[in-house]
Amino acid sequence: MSTTVRPQSDAPGMHPEAHAVELDHATAAALRLWVIMSRAHTAVAAHAAADVQRHGLTLAEFGIVEALYHRGPMLLGEVQKRILVSSGGITFLVDRLAAKGLVERRSCETDRRARYAALTPKGTALVAEIFPSHAAVVKQAMEGISPEEQERVADQLRDMGRRAAGLPLAD
């Protein structure tokens, strides 16, 4: 079974030279899901970002201090993997958080090359203060589906992400 994805020629802003594309059902469904997931992520992330911005943090900075708050001191590489930024990005973000007095670097006793990131007392106090309201903002932004549906969708997205992570990247 195939699906034709047709531009709506009468849609506002649609160019008359737009092209219809013939796709099989699975491909059309995957593309539709990708667009919907991206739009949903953007919408929810906008609420989360606006909330932490009130406290002088970016969403990535908040991700770091929140991870350190809940997991304790971590190697910079662990933090990087947890919040999905590049190695240069984690260095930059930890530098900014250190300049704000929220995070400190600590040496690793077993590997002189490795460095830990840890919350300062000021960082701990900030996360303790803002996390409950931040969690409420995210909860409110996600209320389009029930908590039970959220759990089911989270499991499905985790499975999909693991499958995609195991595929080779296109050249």
N, C-alpha and C. Protein backbone atom coordinates (compact mmCIF):
# COMPACT_ATOMS: atom_id res chain seq x y z
N MET A 1 0.85 -1.17 0.00
CA MET A 1 0.00 0.00 0.00
C MET A 1 0.90 1.23 0.00
N SER A 2 0.55 2.20 -0.83
CA SER A 2 1.35 3.42 -0.86
C SER A 2 0.47 4.62 -0.53
N THR A 3 1.14 5.65 -0.10
CA THR A 3 0.48 6.89 0.27
C THR A 3 1.10 7.99 -0.56
N THR A 4 0.27 8.84 -1.11
CA THR A 4 0.80 9.99 -1.83
C THR A 4 0.75 11.19 -0.90
N VAL A 5 1.91 11.77 -0.71
CA VAL A 5 2.00 12.98 0.10
C VAL A 5 1.90 14.14 -0.88
N ARG A 6 0.79 14.83 -0.82
CA ARG A 6 0.56 15.93 -1.76
C ARG A 6 0.56 17.26 -1.03
N PRO A 7 1.25 18.23 -1.61
CA PRO A 7 1.13 19.57 -1.04
C PRO A 7 -0.26 20.11 -1.33
N GLN A 8 -0.74 20.92 -0.45
CA GLN A 8 -2.04 21.54 -0.68
C GLN A 8 -1.81 22.83 -1.44
N SER A 9 -2.19 22.83 -2.71
CA SER A 9 -1.88 23.99 -3.55
C SER A 9 -2.62 25.24 -3.09
N ASP A 10 -3.72 25.05 -2.36
CA ASP A 10 -4.45 26.22 -1.87
C ASP A 10 -4.03 26.62 -0.46
N ALA A 11 -3.06 25.91 0.11
CA ALA A 11 -2.60 26.24 1.46
C ALA A 11 -1.81 27.55 1.41
N PRO A 12 -1.94 28.38 2.45
CA PRO A 12 -1.21 29.65 2.48
C PRO A 12 0.29 29.41 2.36
N GLY A 13 0.91 30.15 1.49
CA GLY A 13 2.36 30.06 1.34
C GLY A 13 2.82 28.89 0.48
N MET A 14 1.90 28.07 -0.04
CA MET A 14 2.29 26.92 -0.85
C MET A 14 2.60 27.38 -2.27
N HIS A 15 3.74 27.00 -2.74
CA HIS A 15 4.19 27.40 -4.07
C HIS A 15 3.59 26.46 -5.12
N PRO A 16 3.18 26.99 -6.27
CA PRO A 16 2.57 26.13 -7.29
C PRO A 16 3.52 25.08 -7.85
N GLU A 17 4.81 25.22 -7.61
CA GLU A 17 5.77 24.24 -8.11
C GLU A 17 6.08 23.14 -7.10
N ALA A 18 5.32 23.08 -6.00
CA ALA A 18 5.52 22.03 -5.01
C ALA A 18 5.17 20.68 -5.62
N HIS A 19 5.83 19.61 -5.17
CA HIS A 19 5.69 18.29 -5.78
C HIS A 19 5.06 17.28 -4.83
N ALA A 20 4.23 16.41 -5.39
CA ALA A 20 3.69 15.28 -4.66
C ALA A 20 4.74 14.18 -4.65
N VAL A 21 4.76 13.38 -3.59
CA VAL A 21 5.72 12.30 -3.47
C VAL A 21 4.97 11.02 -3.14
N GLU A 22 5.31 9.95 -3.83
CA GLU A 22 4.70 8.65 -3.59
C GLU A 22 5.54 7.92 -2.53
N LEU A 23 4.92 7.57 -1.40
CA LEU A 23 5.62 6.89 -0.31
C LEU A 23 4.83 5.66 0.11
N ASP A 24 5.55 4.63 0.56
CA ASP A 24 4.83 3.49 1.14
C ASP A 24 4.29 3.92 2.51
N HIS A 25 3.32 3.18 3.01
CA HIS A 25 2.64 3.56 4.25
C HIS A 25 3.62 3.69 5.42
N ALA A 26 4.54 2.73 5.56
CA ALA A 26 5.48 2.76 6.69
C ALA A 26 6.37 4.00 6.64
N THR A 27 6.82 4.39 5.45
CA THR A 27 7.67 5.58 5.32
C THR A 27 6.87 6.84 5.63
N ALA A 28 5.65 6.92 5.11
CA ALA A 28 4.81 8.09 5.39
C ALA A 28 4.52 8.20 6.89
N ALA A 29 4.24 7.07 7.54
CA ALA A 29 3.97 7.07 8.98
C ALA A 29 5.21 7.51 9.77
N ALA A 30 6.39 7.01 9.37
CA ALA A 30 7.63 7.37 10.06
C ALA A 30 7.92 8.86 9.92
N LEU A 31 7.74 9.40 8.73
CA LEU A 31 7.99 10.82 8.51
C LEU A 31 6.99 11.68 9.31
N ARG A 32 5.74 11.26 9.33
CA ARG A 32 4.73 11.99 10.10
C ARG A 32 5.08 11.99 11.58
N LEU A 33 5.47 10.82 12.12
CA LEU A 33 5.84 10.71 13.53
C LEU A 33 7.05 11.59 13.82
N TRP A 34 8.05 11.60 12.93
CA TRP A 34 9.25 12.41 13.13
C TRP A 34 8.88 13.89 13.26
N VAL A 35 8.03 14.38 12.38
CA VAL A 35 7.63 15.78 12.41
C VAL A 35 6.84 16.08 13.69
N ILE A 36 5.92 15.21 14.05
CA ILE A 36 5.11 15.42 15.25
C ILE A 36 5.97 15.38 16.50
N MET A 37 6.91 14.42 16.59
CA MET A 37 7.81 14.35 17.75
C MET A 37 8.66 15.62 17.84
N SER A 38 9.17 16.07 16.71
CA SER A 38 10.00 17.28 16.71
C SER A 38 9.21 18.49 17.17
N ARG A 39 7.99 18.63 16.67
CA ARG A 39 7.16 19.77 17.08
C ARG A 39 6.78 19.69 18.55
N ALA A 40 6.47 18.49 19.03
CA ALA A 40 6.12 18.31 20.45
C ALA A 40 7.33 18.63 21.32
N HIS A 41 8.49 18.15 20.93
CA HIS A 41 9.71 18.44 21.70
C HIS A 41 9.97 19.93 21.74
N THR A 42 9.84 20.60 20.62
CA THR A 42 10.07 22.04 20.57
C THR A 42 9.10 22.78 21.49
N ALA A 43 7.84 22.38 21.48
CA ALA A 43 6.83 23.05 22.29
C ALA A 43 7.09 22.85 23.78
N VAL A 44 7.37 21.62 24.19
CA VAL A 44 7.62 21.35 25.61
C VAL A 44 8.93 21.99 26.05
N ALA A 45 9.97 21.89 25.21
CA ALA A 45 11.27 22.46 25.55
C ALA A 45 11.18 23.98 25.71
N ALA A 46 10.31 24.63 24.96
CA ALA A 46 10.15 26.08 25.10
C ALA A 46 9.67 26.43 26.51
N HIS A 47 8.76 25.64 27.06
CA HIS A 47 8.29 25.88 28.43
C HIS A 47 9.40 25.62 29.45
N ALA A 48 10.11 24.52 29.25
CA ALA A 48 11.20 24.18 30.18
C ALA A 48 12.30 25.24 30.13
N ALA A 49 12.66 25.68 28.92
CA ALA A 49 13.72 26.69 28.76
C ALA A 49 13.30 28.02 29.38
N ALA A 50 12.05 28.43 29.15
CA ALA A 50 11.58 29.69 29.72
C ALA A 50 11.61 29.64 31.25
N ASP A 51 11.27 28.48 31.81
CA ASP A 51 11.27 28.35 33.26
C ASP A 51 12.67 28.50 33.84
N VAL A 52 13.66 27.80 33.29
CA VAL A 52 15.01 27.89 33.86
C VAL A 52 15.69 29.21 33.53
N GLN A 53 15.26 29.84 32.44
CA GLN A 53 15.83 31.14 32.07
C GLN A 53 15.52 32.19 33.15
N ARG A 54 14.40 32.04 33.83
CA ARG A 54 14.05 32.96 34.93
C ARG A 54 15.10 32.95 36.02
N HIS A 55 15.88 31.87 36.07
CA HIS A 55 16.91 31.72 37.10
C HIS A 55 18.32 31.92 36.52
N GLY A 56 18.39 32.47 35.32
CA GLY A 56 19.68 32.77 34.70
C GLY A 56 20.41 31.57 34.14
N LEU A 57 19.67 30.51 33.81
CA LEU A 57 20.28 29.30 33.27
C LEU A 57 19.72 28.97 31.89
N THR A 58 20.55 28.33 31.08
CA THR A 58 20.05 27.74 29.84
C THR A 58 19.54 26.34 30.18
N LEU A 59 18.82 25.74 29.25
CA LEU A 59 18.32 24.39 29.47
C LEU A 59 19.48 23.40 29.64
N ALA A 60 20.55 23.56 28.87
CA ALA A 60 21.72 22.67 29.00
C ALA A 60 22.39 22.86 30.36
N GLU A 61 22.53 24.10 30.81
CA GLU A 61 23.12 24.35 32.13
C GLU A 61 22.26 23.72 33.22
N PHE A 62 20.94 23.89 33.11
CA PHE A 62 20.06 23.28 34.09
C PHE A 62 20.19 21.76 34.06
N GLY A 63 20.32 21.18 32.87
CA GLY A 63 20.50 19.74 32.75
C GLY A 63 21.70 19.26 33.54
N ILE A 64 22.78 20.04 33.50
CA ILE A 64 24.00 19.67 34.23
C ILE A 64 23.76 19.75 35.74
N VAL A 65 23.26 20.89 36.22
CA VAL A 65 23.10 21.03 37.67
C VAL A 65 22.04 20.08 38.21
N GLU A 66 21.02 19.81 37.42
CA GLU A 66 19.98 18.86 37.84
C GLU A 66 20.57 17.46 37.93
N ALA A 67 21.37 17.06 36.94
CA ALA A 67 22.00 15.73 36.97
C ALA A 67 22.94 15.60 38.17
N LEU A 68 23.73 16.63 38.43
CA LEU A 68 24.65 16.59 39.57
C LEU A 68 23.89 16.56 40.90
N TYR A 69 22.77 17.23 40.95
CA TYR A 69 21.94 17.27 42.16
C TYR A 69 21.40 15.87 42.47
N HIS A 70 20.90 15.19 41.44
CA HIS A 70 20.26 13.90 41.65
C HIS A 70 21.25 12.73 41.68
N ARG A 71 22.42 12.88 41.04
CA ARG A 71 23.36 11.76 40.94
C ARG A 71 24.66 11.99 41.71
N GLY A 72 24.90 13.21 42.14
CA GLY A 72 26.15 13.51 42.83
C GLY A 72 27.26 13.81 41.84
N PRO A 73 28.47 14.05 42.33
CA PRO A 73 29.59 14.39 41.44
C PRO A 73 29.77 13.32 40.36
N MET A 74 30.06 13.79 39.15
CA MET A 74 30.25 12.88 38.01
C MET A 74 31.46 13.33 37.20
N LEU A 75 32.09 12.36 36.54
CA LEU A 75 33.14 12.69 35.59
C LEU A 75 32.53 13.53 34.48
N LEU A 76 33.31 14.46 33.94
CA LEU A 76 32.78 15.32 32.87
C LEU A 76 32.25 14.50 31.71
N GLY A 77 32.92 13.40 31.37
CA GLY A 77 32.44 12.54 30.28
C GLY A 77 31.08 11.94 30.57
N GLU A 78 30.82 11.59 31.84
CA GLU A 78 29.50 11.06 32.21
C GLU A 78 28.43 12.13 32.08
N VAL A 79 28.76 13.34 32.50
CA VAL A 79 27.81 14.45 32.38
C VAL A 79 27.52 14.70 30.91
N GLN A 80 28.56 14.69 30.09
CA GLN A 80 28.41 14.92 28.65
C GLN A 80 27.44 13.91 28.04
N LYS A 81 27.60 12.64 28.36
CA LYS A 81 26.71 11.61 27.81
C LYS A 81 25.29 11.77 28.33
N ARG A 82 25.15 12.18 29.57
CA ARG A 82 23.83 12.30 30.18
C ARG A 82 23.02 13.43 29.54
N ILE A 83 23.69 14.56 29.22
CA ILE A 83 22.93 15.68 28.68
C ILE A 83 23.13 15.88 27.18
N LEU A 84 23.88 14.98 26.55
CA LEU A 84 24.01 14.93 25.09
C LEU A 84 24.59 16.20 24.48
N VAL A 85 25.76 16.59 24.94
CA VAL A 85 26.50 17.69 24.31
C VAL A 85 27.88 17.18 23.94
N SER A 86 28.58 17.94 23.11
CA SER A 86 29.93 17.55 22.71
C SER A 86 30.90 17.73 23.86
N SER A 87 32.10 17.14 23.73
CA SER A 87 33.10 17.29 24.80
C SER A 87 33.49 18.75 24.97
N GLY A 88 33.62 19.48 23.86
CA GLY A 88 33.91 20.91 23.96
C GLY A 88 32.76 21.67 24.59
N GLY A 89 31.53 21.23 24.28
CA GLY A 89 30.34 21.88 24.84
C GLY A 89 30.25 21.70 26.33
N ILE A 90 30.60 20.51 26.84
CA ILE A 90 30.50 20.28 28.28
C ILE A 90 31.54 21.13 29.01
N THR A 91 32.72 21.27 28.42
CA THR A 91 33.75 22.11 29.04
C THR A 91 33.27 23.55 29.13
N PHE A 92 32.71 24.06 28.04
CA PHE A 92 32.19 25.42 28.00
C PHE A 92 31.08 25.62 29.04
N LEU A 93 30.14 24.68 29.09
CA LEU A 93 29.01 24.80 30.02
C LEU A 93 29.47 24.72 31.47
N VAL A 94 30.37 23.80 31.78
CA VAL A 94 30.86 23.69 33.16
C VAL A 94 31.65 24.95 33.53
N ASP A 95 32.41 25.51 32.58
CA ASP A 95 33.11 26.77 32.84
C ASP A 95 32.11 27.87 33.21
N ARG A 96 31.02 27.95 32.45
CA ARG A 96 30.01 28.99 32.73
C ARG A 96 29.36 28.77 34.10
N LEU A 97 29.06 27.52 34.42
CA LEU A 97 28.45 27.23 35.72
C LEU A 97 29.43 27.48 36.86
N ALA A 98 30.71 27.22 36.63
CA ALA A 98 31.73 27.51 37.65
C ALA A 98 31.85 29.01 37.85
N ALA A 99 31.78 29.78 36.77
CA ALA A 99 31.85 31.25 36.87
C ALA A 99 30.66 31.80 37.65
N LYS A 100 29.52 31.11 37.59
CA LYS A 100 28.33 31.52 38.34
C LYS A 100 28.37 31.02 39.79
N GLY A 101 29.40 30.23 40.10
CA GLY A 101 29.53 29.72 41.46
C GLY A 101 28.64 28.53 41.77
N LEU A 102 28.13 27.86 40.73
CA LEU A 102 27.19 26.75 40.94
C LEU A 102 27.84 25.38 40.89
N VAL A 103 28.96 25.28 40.17
CA VAL A 103 29.64 24.00 39.95
C VAL A 103 31.13 24.20 40.19
N GLU A 104 31.78 23.14 40.66
CA GLU A 104 33.24 23.18 40.79
C GLU A 104 33.81 21.91 40.16
N ARG A 105 35.05 22.03 39.73
CA ARG A 105 35.76 20.87 39.20
C ARG A 105 36.57 20.26 40.34
N ARG A 106 36.62 18.93 40.34
CA ARG A 106 37.41 18.22 41.32
C ARG A 106 38.31 17.23 40.60
N SER A 107 39.49 17.02 41.14
CA SER A 107 40.42 16.06 40.56
C SER A 107 39.97 14.64 40.87
N CYS A 108 40.34 13.74 39.97
CA CYS A 108 40.09 12.32 40.18
C CYS A 108 41.35 11.72 40.81
N GLU A 109 41.20 11.05 41.94
CA GLU A 109 42.35 10.50 42.65
C GLU A 109 43.02 9.36 41.90
N THR A 110 42.28 8.64 41.06
CA THR A 110 42.84 7.49 40.36
C THR A 110 43.32 7.79 38.95
N ASP A 111 42.90 8.92 38.37
CA ASP A 111 43.31 9.28 37.01
C ASP A 111 43.51 10.79 36.96
N ARG A 112 44.74 11.22 36.90
CA ARG A 112 45.04 12.65 36.95
C ARG A 112 44.46 13.42 35.76
N ARG A 113 44.16 12.73 34.66
CA ARG A 113 43.59 13.40 33.49
C ARG A 113 42.10 13.65 33.65
N ALA A 114 41.43 12.85 34.46
CA ALA A 114 39.97 12.94 34.61
C ALA A 114 39.61 14.02 35.62
N ARG A 115 38.47 14.66 35.36
CA ARG A 115 37.97 15.70 36.26
C ARG A 115 36.50 15.41 36.56
N TYR A 116 36.15 15.66 37.80
CA TYR A 116 34.76 15.56 38.23
C TYR A 116 34.11 16.94 38.21
N ALA A 117 32.82 16.95 37.99
CA ALA A 117 32.01 18.14 38.19
C ALA A 117 31.15 17.87 39.42
N ALA A 118 31.05 18.86 40.28
CA ALA A 118 30.25 18.72 41.50
C ALA A 118 29.56 20.04 41.79
N LEU A 119 28.39 19.97 42.38
CA LEU A 119 27.69 21.18 42.77
C LEU A 119 28.38 21.83 43.97
N THR A 120 28.39 23.14 43.96
CA THR A 120 28.81 23.89 45.13
C THR A 120 27.60 23.99 46.06
N PRO A 121 27.78 24.44 47.28
CA PRO A 121 26.61 24.66 48.14
C PRO A 121 25.59 25.61 47.49
N LYS A 122 26.09 26.64 46.80
CA LYS A 122 25.18 27.57 46.11
C LYS A 122 24.39 26.85 45.01
N GLY A 123 25.06 25.97 44.26
CA GLY A 123 24.38 25.20 43.21
C GLY A 123 23.35 24.25 43.78
N THR A 124 23.70 23.59 44.88
CA THR A 124 22.76 22.68 45.54
C THR A 124 21.52 23.43 46.01
N ALA A 125 21.73 24.59 46.61
CA ALA A 125 20.60 25.39 47.10
C ALA A 125 19.72 25.85 45.94
N LEU A 126 20.33 26.25 44.84
CA LEU A 126 19.55 26.71 43.68
C LEU A 126 18.68 25.59 43.13
N VAL A 127 19.25 24.42 42.91
CA VAL A 127 18.46 23.32 42.35
C VAL A 127 17.37 22.90 43.33
N ALA A 128 17.68 22.83 44.59
CA ALA A 128 16.67 22.48 45.60
C ALA A 128 15.50 23.46 45.56
N GLU A 129 15.82 24.72 45.31
CA GLU A 129 14.78 25.76 45.26
C GLU A 129 13.94 25.68 44.00
N ILE A 130 14.57 25.50 42.85
CA ILE A 130 13.84 25.63 41.59
C ILE A 130 13.33 24.31 41.00
N PHE A 131 13.87 23.17 41.42
CA PHE A 131 13.46 21.91 40.80
C PHE A 131 11.97 21.62 40.95
N PRO A 132 11.37 21.78 42.13
CA PRO A 132 9.94 21.46 42.23
C PRO A 132 9.06 22.26 41.26
N SER A 133 9.31 23.55 41.14
CA SER A 133 8.48 24.34 40.22
C SER A 133 8.81 24.00 38.76
N HIS A 134 10.06 23.67 38.48
CA HIS A 134 10.43 23.27 37.12
C HIS A 134 9.72 21.97 36.74
N ALA A 135 9.72 21.03 37.66
CA ALA A 135 9.02 19.77 37.40
C ALA A 135 7.53 20.01 37.14
N ALA A 136 6.94 20.95 37.86
CA ALA A 136 5.52 21.28 37.66
C ALA A 136 5.28 21.90 36.29
N VAL A 137 6.22 22.73 35.82
CA VAL A 137 6.10 23.34 34.49
C VAL A 137 6.13 22.25 33.42
N VAL A 138 7.07 21.31 33.54
CA VAL A 138 7.17 20.23 32.56
C VAL A 138 5.92 19.35 32.61
N LYS A 139 5.46 19.05 33.82
CA LYS A 139 4.23 18.24 33.97
C LYS A 139 3.06 18.91 33.26
N GLN A 140 2.92 20.22 33.47
CA GLN A 140 1.83 20.94 32.84
C GLN A 140 1.95 20.92 31.32
N ALA A 141 3.16 21.08 30.81
CA ALA A 141 3.37 21.08 29.36
C ALA A 141 3.06 19.71 28.75
N MET A 142 3.15 18.65 29.55
CA MET A 142 2.93 17.29 29.06
C MET A 142 1.51 16.79 29.29
N GLU A 143 0.65 17.63 29.85
CA GLU A 143 -0.69 17.17 30.22
C GLU A 143 -1.61 16.88 29.04
N GLY A 144 -1.10 16.96 27.83
CA GLY A 144 -1.92 16.61 26.67
C GLY A 144 -2.25 15.13 26.63
N ILE A 145 -1.45 14.33 27.34
CA ILE A 145 -1.75 12.90 27.46
C ILE A 145 -1.62 12.50 28.92
N SER A 146 -2.35 11.46 29.29
CA SER A 146 -2.40 11.02 30.70
C SER A 146 -1.05 10.49 31.15
N PRO A 147 -0.82 10.46 32.46
CA PRO A 147 0.43 9.88 32.98
C PRO A 147 0.65 8.44 32.51
N GLU A 148 -0.42 7.67 32.42
CA GLU A 148 -0.30 6.28 31.94
C GLU A 148 0.14 6.25 30.49
N GLU A 149 -0.45 7.13 29.67
CA GLU A 149 -0.03 7.21 28.26
C GLU A 149 1.40 7.70 28.16
N GLN A 150 1.79 8.64 29.02
CA GLN A 150 3.17 9.13 29.02
C GLN A 150 4.15 8.00 29.29
N GLU A 151 3.83 7.13 30.23
CA GLU A 151 4.70 5.99 30.53
C GLU A 151 4.80 5.05 29.33
N ARG A 152 3.68 4.78 28.68
CA ARG A 152 3.67 3.89 27.51
C ARG A 152 4.47 4.50 26.37
N VAL A 153 4.24 5.78 26.09
CA VAL A 153 4.96 6.46 25.02
C VAL A 153 6.45 6.54 25.33
N ALA A 154 6.79 6.79 26.59
CA ALA A 154 8.21 6.85 26.98
C ALA A 154 8.89 5.51 26.72
N ASP A 155 8.22 4.41 27.05
CA ASP A 155 8.79 3.08 26.79
C ASP A 155 8.98 2.86 25.29
N GLN A 156 7.98 3.24 24.50
CA GLN A 156 8.06 3.07 23.05
C GLN A 156 9.17 3.93 22.45
N LEU A 157 9.29 5.17 22.89
CA LEU A 157 10.33 6.05 22.37
C LEU A 157 11.71 5.57 22.79
N ARG A 158 11.84 5.06 24.01
CA ARG A 158 13.12 4.50 24.44
C ARG A 158 13.51 3.33 23.54
N ASP A 159 12.56 2.43 23.27
CA ASP A 159 12.84 1.29 22.40
C ASP A 159 13.22 1.75 20.99
N MET A 160 12.49 2.73 20.47
CA MET A 160 12.78 3.25 19.14
C MET A 160 14.17 3.90 19.12
N GLY A 161 14.50 4.66 20.15
CA GLY A 161 15.80 5.31 20.22
C GLY A 161 16.93 4.31 20.30
N ARG A 162 16.76 3.25 21.08
CA ARG A 162 17.80 2.22 21.17
C ARG A 162 18.00 1.53 19.83
N ARG A 163 16.91 1.26 19.14
CA ARG A 163 17.00 0.63 17.82
C ARG A 163 17.72 1.55 16.85
N ALA A 164 17.35 2.84 16.85
CA ALA A 164 17.99 3.79 15.94
C ALA A 164 19.46 3.97 16.28
N ALA A 165 19.81 3.95 17.57
CA ALA A 165 21.21 4.10 17.98
C ALA A 165 22.06 2.94 17.49
N GLY A 166 21.46 1.78 17.30
CA GLY A 166 22.19 0.61 16.84
C GLY A 166 22.37 0.52 15.33
N LEU A 167 21.70 1.38 14.60
CA LEU A 167 21.81 1.36 13.14
C LEU A 167 23.05 2.16 12.69
N PRO A 168 23.67 1.72 11.59
CA PRO A 168 24.80 2.51 11.08
C PRO A 168 24.28 3.84 10.51
N LEU A 169 25.09 4.87 10.66
CA LEU A 169 24.72 6.20 10.11
C LEU A 169 24.93 6.21 8.61
N ALA A 170 24.11 6.99 7.92
CA ALA A 170 24.27 7.15 6.47
C ALA A 170 25.57 7.86 6.18
N ASP A 171 26.21 7.47 5.09
CA ASP A 171 27.47 8.13 4.70
C ASP A 171 27.23 9.45 4.05
